Amino acid sequence: MSMLQSWALVLASLLPALACAADIGVASLVEGNPRVLRGATWYKLVPWAHLEHGDIVSVGERGHVLAEFAGGTGLSVVGTGSFYLEPKAARGADAGGPLVITVPEGWLKLAARAPGVRMRLAAAEVTLPIGILVVHAQGPALEFFVESGSARLAALLPNGNAGSPQDVKQGEHWSNAEAGRFVAVARAPKAFVDAIPRRFLDPLPSLAAKDKPAPPLVADGDVTYAEAEPWLGGRDGAAFEQRFAVRLRDPAFRRAVEPRIAR
């Protein structure tokens, strides 16, 4: 059976799963024109929109999103960036474990509360039980500062698995700028501080307690192959092949994906 046929076979099984996703957070601040990819459809992200496991939030150059989650965890993304709220069925995620977020790129500030957050990046995984991180990710390039608390850093091995974790302490700045090796210094370098979005100099606001009703989301088109390809080629490619199988109904998407399937 070809991969194209395999994609087609999962169409019927995907729709019920997409319909029963549960809310896990809220976009309490939204600026610019960010979008959320739910299933294979983009929606305009608006203030107080609820977020679900499996959502991919994309923020543009002049945008800002503050996402707040159960227990008081907050995530702020300023400027071009994105994050993926992994389903509980994802590898390594369990019902009582930390929230798992994949971040391909962007500037973000994370204020984690119990049970914490496991952040999956192109170069490493960072687990923060309780504390505050400021992160700048750009593909394999990664640097972050531990504003408070302590974390665990596990660099990715060539096979894509996380290596042995290292302790990360409050006040440390970590970067893999030197030949891909992670190095820590006792304070954030001036270049990092100068580049930090000004919003991150203040504590993240906590607005979710206002508990405003969720507005309806307006569809903004289906995911294109160009938008889907980075996820198809990433660490969770098999899961995204199933997720985006519904797009094979579109001849343009089908034509674009055929060379990839043929490899």
Protein backbone atom coordinates (compact mmCIF):
# COMPACT_ATOMS: atom_id res chain seq x y z
CA MET A 1 0.00 0.00 0.00
CA SER A 2 1.37 3.43 -0.95
CA MET A 3 1.70 6.26 1.58
CA LEU A 4 -0.83 8.21 -0.46
CA GLN A 5 -3.34 5.39 -0.01
CA SER A 6 -2.51 5.24 3.69
CA TRP A 7 -3.26 8.95 4.05
CA ALA A 8 -6.61 8.46 2.34
CA LEU A 9 -7.59 5.60 4.64
CA VAL A 10 -7.35 7.72 7.79
CA LEU A 11 -9.81 10.38 6.62
CA ALA A 12 -12.87 8.83 8.24
CA SER A 13 -11.10 8.10 11.53
CA LEU A 14 -9.80 11.65 11.98
CA LEU A 15 -13.06 13.55 12.02
CA PRO A 16 -14.48 12.13 15.29
CA ALA A 17 -11.16 12.72 17.06
CA LEU A 18 -11.07 16.33 15.96
CA ALA A 19 -14.61 16.90 17.17
CA CYS A 20 -13.96 15.80 20.77
CA ALA A 21 -10.92 17.93 21.61
CA ALA A 22 -11.09 19.60 25.04
CA ASP A 23 -10.31 23.19 25.96
CA ILE A 24 -7.04 23.58 27.88
CA GLY A 25 -6.45 27.33 27.81
CA VAL A 26 -7.46 30.71 26.53
CA ALA A 27 -5.85 33.40 24.35
CA SER A 28 -6.40 36.26 26.78
CA LEU A 29 -4.42 38.87 24.81
CA VAL A 30 -4.29 38.97 21.02
CA GLU A 31 -2.67 41.65 18.86
CA GLY A 32 -1.93 41.77 15.16
CA ASN A 33 -3.43 39.02 13.03
CA PRO A 34 -2.45 35.70 14.59
CA ARG A 35 -4.13 32.50 13.51
CA VAL A 36 -4.76 29.08 15.02
CA LEU A 37 -4.57 25.88 12.99
CA ARG A 38 -7.17 23.41 14.24
CA GLY A 39 -7.14 20.16 12.35
CA ALA A 40 -6.26 21.29 8.83
CA THR A 41 -8.16 24.59 8.91
CA TRP A 42 -6.85 28.02 9.88
CA TYR A 43 -9.00 30.28 12.06
CA LYS A 44 -8.51 33.90 12.98
CA LEU A 45 -7.40 34.02 16.60
CA VAL A 46 -9.35 36.55 18.64
CA PRO A 47 -9.22 37.58 22.31
CA TRP A 48 -10.69 35.01 24.68
CA ALA A 49 -10.68 32.24 22.09
CA HIS A 50 -10.30 28.87 23.78
CA LEU A 51 -7.29 26.72 22.95
CA GLU A 52 -7.26 22.95 22.54
CA HIS A 53 -4.74 20.14 22.49
CA GLY A 54 -3.45 19.92 18.92
CA ASP A 55 -3.79 23.64 18.16
CA ILE A 56 -0.95 25.38 16.33
CA VAL A 57 -0.83 29.13 17.00
CA SER A 58 1.01 31.28 14.46
CA VAL A 59 2.00 34.89 15.23
CA GLY A 60 3.18 37.43 12.69
CA GLU A 61 5.97 39.98 12.82
CA ARG A 62 3.90 42.66 14.59
CA GLY A 63 1.72 40.26 16.56
CA HIS A 64 1.44 39.21 20.18
CA VAL A 65 -0.44 36.37 21.88
CA LEU A 66 -0.75 35.67 25.58
CA ALA A 67 -2.03 32.14 26.24
CA GLU A 68 -3.10 31.14 29.75
CA PHE A 69 -3.61 27.59 30.91
CA ALA A 70 -5.11 25.73 33.87
CA GLY A 71 -3.18 26.21 37.09
CA GLY A 72 -1.89 29.65 36.15
CA THR A 73 0.73 28.82 33.50
CA GLY A 74 1.17 31.64 30.97
CA LEU A 75 2.92 31.77 27.58
CA SER A 76 3.59 35.01 25.72
CA VAL A 77 4.81 35.11 22.10
CA VAL A 78 5.88 38.42 20.58
CA GLY A 79 6.71 38.81 16.90
CA THR A 80 7.14 36.06 14.33
CA GLY A 81 6.75 32.69 16.00
CA SER A 82 4.54 29.68 16.55
CA PHE A 83 3.74 27.01 19.09
CA TYR A 84 1.99 23.65 19.02
CA LEU A 85 -0.04 22.36 21.97
CA GLU A 86 0.65 18.67 21.75
CA PRO A 87 -2.21 16.20 22.22
CA LYS A 88 -2.11 14.15 25.41
CA ALA A 89 -1.58 11.09 23.26
CA ALA A 90 1.73 12.51 22.02
CA ARG A 91 4.92 10.67 22.88
CA GLY A 92 5.87 11.17 26.50
CA ALA A 93 2.68 13.03 27.46
CA ASP A 94 0.54 11.62 30.26
CA ALA A 95 -2.68 12.77 31.91
CA GLY A 96 -0.98 14.10 35.04
CA GLY A 97 2.24 15.29 33.47
CA PRO A 98 3.40 18.69 32.27
CA LEU A 99 1.85 20.58 29.40
CA VAL A 100 3.86 19.72 26.26
CA ILE A 101 4.50 22.57 23.83
CA THR A 102 6.54 22.43 20.61
CA VAL A 103 8.17 25.72 19.60
CA PRO A 104 9.79 25.87 16.12
CA GLU A 105 10.73 29.53 16.32
CA GLY A 106 10.13 32.83 18.03
CA TRP A 107 10.62 34.93 21.14
CA LEU A 108 8.55 33.72 24.05
CA LYS A 109 8.21 34.12 27.78
CA LEU A 110 6.95 31.20 29.80
CA ALA A 111 5.68 31.43 33.37
CA ALA A 112 5.11 27.83 34.45
CA ARG A 113 3.06 26.57 37.37
CA ALA A 114 2.61 22.98 38.53
CA PRO A 115 2.56 20.47 36.91
CA GLY A 116 4.94 22.43 34.70
CA VAL A 117 5.76 22.61 31.00
CA ARG A 118 7.93 20.49 28.74
CA MET A 119 9.03 22.58 25.80
CA ARG A 120 10.16 20.74 22.68
CA LEU A 121 12.49 22.73 20.44
CA ALA A 122 14.51 21.88 17.36
CA ALA A 123 17.74 21.54 19.36
CA ALA A 124 16.59 20.42 22.81
CA GLU A 125 13.83 19.78 25.29
CA VAL A 126 13.49 22.08 28.29
CA THR A 127 11.33 21.07 31.24
CA LEU A 128 10.28 23.77 33.70
CA PRO A 129 8.24 22.60 36.73
CA ILE A 130 7.74 26.07 38.23
CA GLY A 131 9.46 29.27 37.17
CA ILE A 132 9.97 31.75 34.36
CA LEU A 133 11.96 31.37 31.14
CA VAL A 134 12.68 33.81 28.31
CA VAL A 135 13.41 31.86 25.13
CA HIS A 136 14.61 32.73 21.64
CA ALA A 137 14.40 29.86 19.14
CA GLN A 138 15.27 30.04 15.48
CA GLY A 139 15.28 26.53 14.07
CA PRO A 140 18.33 24.73 15.52
CA ALA A 141 19.64 27.93 17.15
CA LEU A 142 18.44 28.26 20.75
CA GLU A 143 19.14 30.52 23.69
CA PHE A 144 17.20 31.06 26.89
CA PHE A 145 17.45 32.79 30.25
CA VAL A 146 16.12 31.39 33.53
CA GLU A 147 14.45 34.35 35.20
CA SER A 148 13.27 32.27 38.16
CA GLY A 149 13.06 28.66 39.23
CA SER A 150 15.12 25.80 37.87
CA ALA A 151 14.77 23.64 34.77
CA ARG A 152 16.17 20.60 33.01
CA LEU A 153 17.79 20.81 29.57
CA ALA A 154 18.15 17.76 27.33
CA ALA A 155 19.93 18.36 24.02
CA LEU A 156 18.66 16.32 21.10
CA LEU A 157 20.80 13.47 19.85
CA PRO A 158 21.41 12.82 16.12
CA ASN A 159 18.60 10.22 16.17
CA GLY A 160 16.13 12.87 17.35
CA ASN A 161 15.78 11.57 20.90
CA ALA A 162 16.50 13.70 23.94
CA GLY A 163 19.85 13.09 25.59
CA SER A 164 20.74 13.07 29.27
CA PRO A 165 19.24 16.09 31.04
CA GLN A 166 21.32 18.82 32.65
CA ASP A 167 20.32 21.02 35.57
CA VAL A 168 19.60 24.64 34.67
CA LYS A 169 19.64 27.19 37.48
CA GLN A 170 18.04 30.55 38.10
CA GLY A 171 19.99 33.44 36.56
CA GLU A 172 21.73 31.30 33.93
CA HIS A 173 21.75 31.96 30.21
CA TRP A 174 22.12 28.93 27.95
CA SER A 175 22.95 28.94 24.25
CA ASN A 176 24.10 26.50 21.58
CA ALA A 177 25.71 29.21 19.45
CA GLU A 178 29.18 27.66 19.87
CA ALA A 179 29.37 24.76 17.41
CA GLY A 180 25.94 23.52 18.48
CA ARG A 181 27.08 22.75 22.04
CA PHE A 182 25.05 24.14 24.92
CA VAL A 183 27.06 26.48 27.12
CA ALA A 184 25.86 28.31 30.23
CA VAL A 185 26.95 31.69 31.58
CA ALA A 186 26.00 33.20 34.92
CA ARG A 187 24.01 36.10 33.47
CA ALA A 188 22.27 37.07 30.25
CA PRO A 189 24.66 38.63 27.69
CA LYS A 190 24.03 42.21 26.66
CA ALA A 191 23.11 41.20 23.10
CA PHE A 192 20.38 38.92 24.44
CA VAL A 193 19.05 41.57 26.82
CA ASP A 194 19.01 44.21 24.09
CA ALA A 195 17.06 41.92 21.75
CA ILE A 196 14.41 40.84 24.27
CA PRO A 197 10.94 42.17 23.39
CA ARG A 198 10.16 45.03 25.76
CA ARG A 199 6.99 43.28 26.93
CA PHE A 200 9.12 40.58 28.52
CA LEU A 201 10.71 43.01 30.96
CA ASP A 202 7.47 42.98 32.97
CA PRO A 203 5.69 40.02 34.60
CA LEU A 204 3.12 38.32 32.41
CA PRO A 205 -0.37 39.61 33.19
CA SER A 206 -2.96 37.17 34.51
CA LEU A 207 -6.32 37.83 32.85
CA ALA A 208 -7.95 34.41 32.51
CA ALA A 209 -9.75 34.76 35.86
CA LYS A 210 -12.13 37.21 34.15
CA ASP A 211 -13.65 34.10 32.53
CA LYS A 212 -15.18 35.79 29.50
CA PRO A 213 -17.27 33.67 27.12
CA ALA A 214 -15.42 32.12 24.19
CA PRO A 215 -16.15 33.92 20.91
CA PRO A 216 -16.83 31.91 17.76
CA LEU A 217 -13.82 31.40 15.52
CA VAL A 218 -13.96 32.47 11.88
CA ALA A 219 -12.32 30.15 9.35
CA ASP A 220 -9.42 31.67 7.42
CA GLY A 221 -8.65 28.99 4.84
CA ASP A 222 -7.15 25.51 4.82
CA VAL A 223 -3.51 24.76 5.51
CA THR A 224 -1.41 24.85 2.36
CA TYR A 225 1.32 22.37 1.59
CA ALA A 226 3.97 25.06 2.14
CA GLU A 227 2.55 25.63 5.63
CA ALA A 228 2.20 21.91 6.34
CA GLU A 229 5.60 20.81 5.05
CA PRO A 230 7.71 21.91 8.06
CA TRP A 231 5.44 19.87 10.35
CA LEU A 232 5.44 16.89 7.99
CA GLY A 233 9.24 16.97 7.98
CA GLY A 234 9.61 17.42 11.73
CA ARG A 235 9.91 15.10 14.70
CA ASP A 236 6.18 14.32 14.65
CA GLY A 237 5.90 13.84 10.89
CA ALA A 238 3.87 10.63 11.11
CA ALA A 239 1.22 12.28 13.28
CA PHE A 240 0.96 15.23 10.92
CA GLU A 241 0.66 12.93 7.89
CA GLN A 242 -2.53 11.62 9.47
CA ARG A 243 -3.70 15.05 10.57
CA PHE A 244 -3.31 16.61 7.12
CA ALA A 245 -4.68 13.60 5.21
CA VAL A 246 -8.00 15.45 4.88
CA ARG A 247 -6.23 17.91 2.58
CA LEU A 248 -5.69 15.19 -0.05
CA ARG A 249 -9.18 16.04 -1.25
CA ASP A 250 -7.68 19.26 -2.65
CA PRO A 251 -5.97 18.53 -6.01
CA ALA A 252 -3.36 21.28 -5.49
CA PHE A 253 -2.33 19.90 -2.08
CA ARG A 254 -2.33 16.36 -3.46
CA ARG A 255 -0.04 17.33 -6.35
CA ALA A 256 2.31 19.15 -4.00
CA VAL A 257 2.60 16.23 -1.60
CA GLU A 258 3.14 13.51 -4.21
CA PRO A 259 6.90 14.17 -4.70
CA ARG A 260 7.38 13.87 -0.95
CA ILE A 261 5.49 10.59 -0.81
CA ALA A 262 7.49 9.23 -3.74
CA ARG A 263 10.83 9.71 -1.90
